[in-house]
């Protein structure tokens, strides 16, 4: 169970990373780098390293859907936003679950989170395309 200060810290960090997850894609797409760097994933991955597991999963799942509603990217139809929502939740959740504040697990958590996120994206896209 988290203390009140711990919940507030997690809430502020998650809100900051969510805001960055909404703003960075707009900035990257403005200069033509959006599809190369996947800028929404970067703050959500960082969020996984900084907050507890439930906050990381919730933020990862909600940011793509919120972005789809507010900016139209990623699109709701075809269901790219749904696929990205699953990918971001797995990416953030895996990083949070493996890392748990131990610096010795940083690279293991990073590589595993990225691989599982990409596999989730591939699987979700495949299932939604059927």
Protein backbone atom coordinates (compact mmCIF):
# COMPACT_ATOMS: atom_id res chain seq x y z
CA UNK A 1 0.00 0.00 0.00
CA UNK A 2 1.34 3.40 -0.97
CA UNK A 3 1.43 6.38 1.33
CA UNK A 4 -0.42 9.55 0.43
CA UNK A 5 2.85 11.14 -0.68
CA UNK A 6 3.67 8.11 -2.85
CA UNK A 7 0.31 8.26 -4.60
CA UNK A 8 0.68 12.00 -5.18
CA UNK A 9 4.18 11.50 -6.62
CA UNK A 10 2.96 8.73 -8.93
CA UNK A 11 -0.01 10.84 -10.02
CA UNK A 12 2.14 13.88 -10.84
CA UNK A 13 4.76 11.86 -12.71
CA UNK A 14 2.08 9.95 -14.65
CA UNK A 15 0.28 13.18 -15.55
CA UNK A 16 3.53 14.76 -16.72
CA UNK A 17 4.43 11.73 -18.84
CA UNK A 18 0.89 11.62 -20.24
CA UNK A 19 1.17 15.29 -21.24
CA UNK A 20 4.52 14.58 -22.88
CA UNK A 21 2.95 11.57 -24.61
CA UNK A 22 0.34 13.90 -26.10
CA UNK A 23 2.68 16.77 -27.07
CA UNK A 24 5.78 14.94 -28.34
CA UNK A 25 4.03 13.20 -31.27
CA UNK A 26 2.71 16.55 -32.51
CA UNK A 27 6.19 18.08 -32.35
CA UNK A 28 7.87 15.08 -33.99
CA UNK A 29 5.27 14.83 -36.76
CA UNK A 30 5.67 18.56 -37.45
CA UNK A 31 9.30 17.98 -38.46
CA UNK A 32 8.68 14.62 -40.17
CA UNK A 33 10.20 12.33 -37.53
CA UNK A 34 7.02 10.90 -36.00
CA UNK A 35 6.98 7.52 -37.73
CA UNK A 36 10.71 6.95 -37.17
CA UNK A 37 10.93 7.49 -33.40
CA UNK A 38 7.41 6.60 -32.14
CA UNK A 39 7.47 9.59 -29.78
CA UNK A 40 4.42 8.56 -27.74
CA UNK A 41 6.21 5.46 -26.50
CA UNK A 42 9.22 7.30 -25.08
CA UNK A 43 7.53 9.11 -22.15
CA UNK A 44 5.34 6.09 -21.44
CA UNK A 45 8.38 3.85 -21.22
CA UNK A 46 10.05 6.34 -18.88
CA UNK A 47 6.84 6.42 -16.84
CA UNK A 48 7.16 2.67 -16.34
CA UNK A 49 10.54 3.18 -14.70
CA UNK A 50 9.34 5.95 -12.40
CA UNK A 51 5.93 4.88 -11.05
CA UNK A 52 4.39 1.72 -9.57
CA UNK A 53 2.88 -0.95 -11.82
CA UNK A 54 -0.83 0.07 -11.67
CA UNK A 55 -0.05 3.68 -12.52
CA UNK A 56 2.22 2.64 -15.38
CA UNK A 57 -0.38 0.33 -16.92
CA UNK A 58 -3.22 2.84 -16.54
CA UNK A 59 -1.22 5.69 -18.06
CA UNK A 60 0.05 3.49 -20.88
CA UNK A 61 -3.46 2.32 -21.75
CA UNK A 62 -5.15 5.71 -21.57
CA UNK A 63 -2.70 8.03 -23.36
CA UNK A 64 -3.14 6.58 -26.91
CA UNK A 65 -6.92 6.65 -26.53
CA UNK A 66 -6.85 10.21 -25.17
CA UNK A 67 -4.56 11.24 -28.01
CA UNK A 68 -6.88 9.64 -30.56
CA UNK A 69 -9.86 11.56 -29.17
CA UNK A 70 -8.07 14.93 -28.84
CA UNK A 71 -5.73 15.01 -31.85
CA UNK A 72 -6.94 12.25 -34.17
CA UNK A 73 -3.57 10.48 -33.96
CA UNK A 74 -3.47 7.49 -33.79
CA UNK A 75 -6.75 6.93 -35.62
CA UNK A 76 -9.62 5.14 -33.94
CA UNK A 77 -10.56 3.57 -37.28
CA UNK A 78 -8.72 1.56 -38.47
CA UNK A 79 -8.18 0.63 -34.80
CA UNK A 80 -4.57 1.74 -34.51
CA UNK A 81 -5.34 3.51 -31.21
CA UNK A 82 -6.56 0.26 -29.69
CA UNK A 83 -3.43 -1.58 -30.77
CA UNK A 84 -1.20 1.21 -29.47
CA UNK A 85 -3.12 1.28 -26.20
CA UNK A 86 -2.34 -2.39 -25.61
CA UNK A 87 1.27 -1.94 -26.69
CA UNK A 88 1.83 1.06 -24.41
CA UNK A 89 0.19 -0.66 -21.43
CA UNK A 90 2.43 -3.72 -21.89
CA UNK A 91 5.51 -1.55 -22.47
CA UNK A 92 4.98 0.55 -19.34
CA UNK A 93 3.80 -2.35 -17.22
CA UNK A 94 6.74 -4.57 -18.14
CA UNK A 95 9.23 -1.82 -17.37
CA UNK A 96 7.56 -1.14 -14.02
CA UNK A 97 7.28 -4.81 -13.08
CA UNK A 98 10.88 -5.73 -13.88
CA UNK A 99 12.72 -2.58 -12.83
CA UNK A 100 11.16 -1.90 -9.39
CA UNK A 101 13.76 0.76 -8.50
CA UNK A 102 16.79 -1.51 -8.85
CA UNK A 103 19.38 0.09 -11.15
CA UNK A 104 20.98 -3.30 -11.80
CA UNK A 105 17.84 -4.31 -13.71
CA UNK A 106 17.70 -1.24 -15.95
CA UNK A 107 18.91 -2.73 -19.24
CA UNK A 108 17.09 -6.01 -18.73
CA UNK A 109 13.85 -4.15 -18.04
CA UNK A 110 14.36 -1.79 -21.00
CA UNK A 111 15.08 -4.49 -23.57
CA UNK A 112 12.34 -6.81 -22.29
CA UNK A 113 9.76 -4.01 -22.22
CA UNK A 114 10.55 -2.94 -25.78
CA UNK A 115 10.46 -6.50 -27.10
CA UNK A 116 7.21 -7.40 -25.34
CA UNK A 117 5.65 -4.11 -26.45
CA UNK A 118 6.52 -4.77 -30.08
CA UNK A 119 5.29 -8.38 -29.88
CA UNK A 120 2.04 -7.11 -28.35
CA UNK A 121 1.69 -4.56 -31.14
CA UNK A 122 2.28 -7.22 -33.77
CA UNK A 123 -0.21 -9.60 -32.15
CA UNK A 124 -2.87 -6.92 -31.65
CA UNK A 125 -2.50 -5.70 -35.22
CA UNK A 126 -2.72 -9.24 -36.53
CA UNK A 127 -5.84 -10.00 -34.47
CA UNK A 128 -7.54 -6.74 -35.42
CA UNK A 129 -6.74 -7.22 -39.11
CA UNK A 130 -8.42 -10.63 -39.28
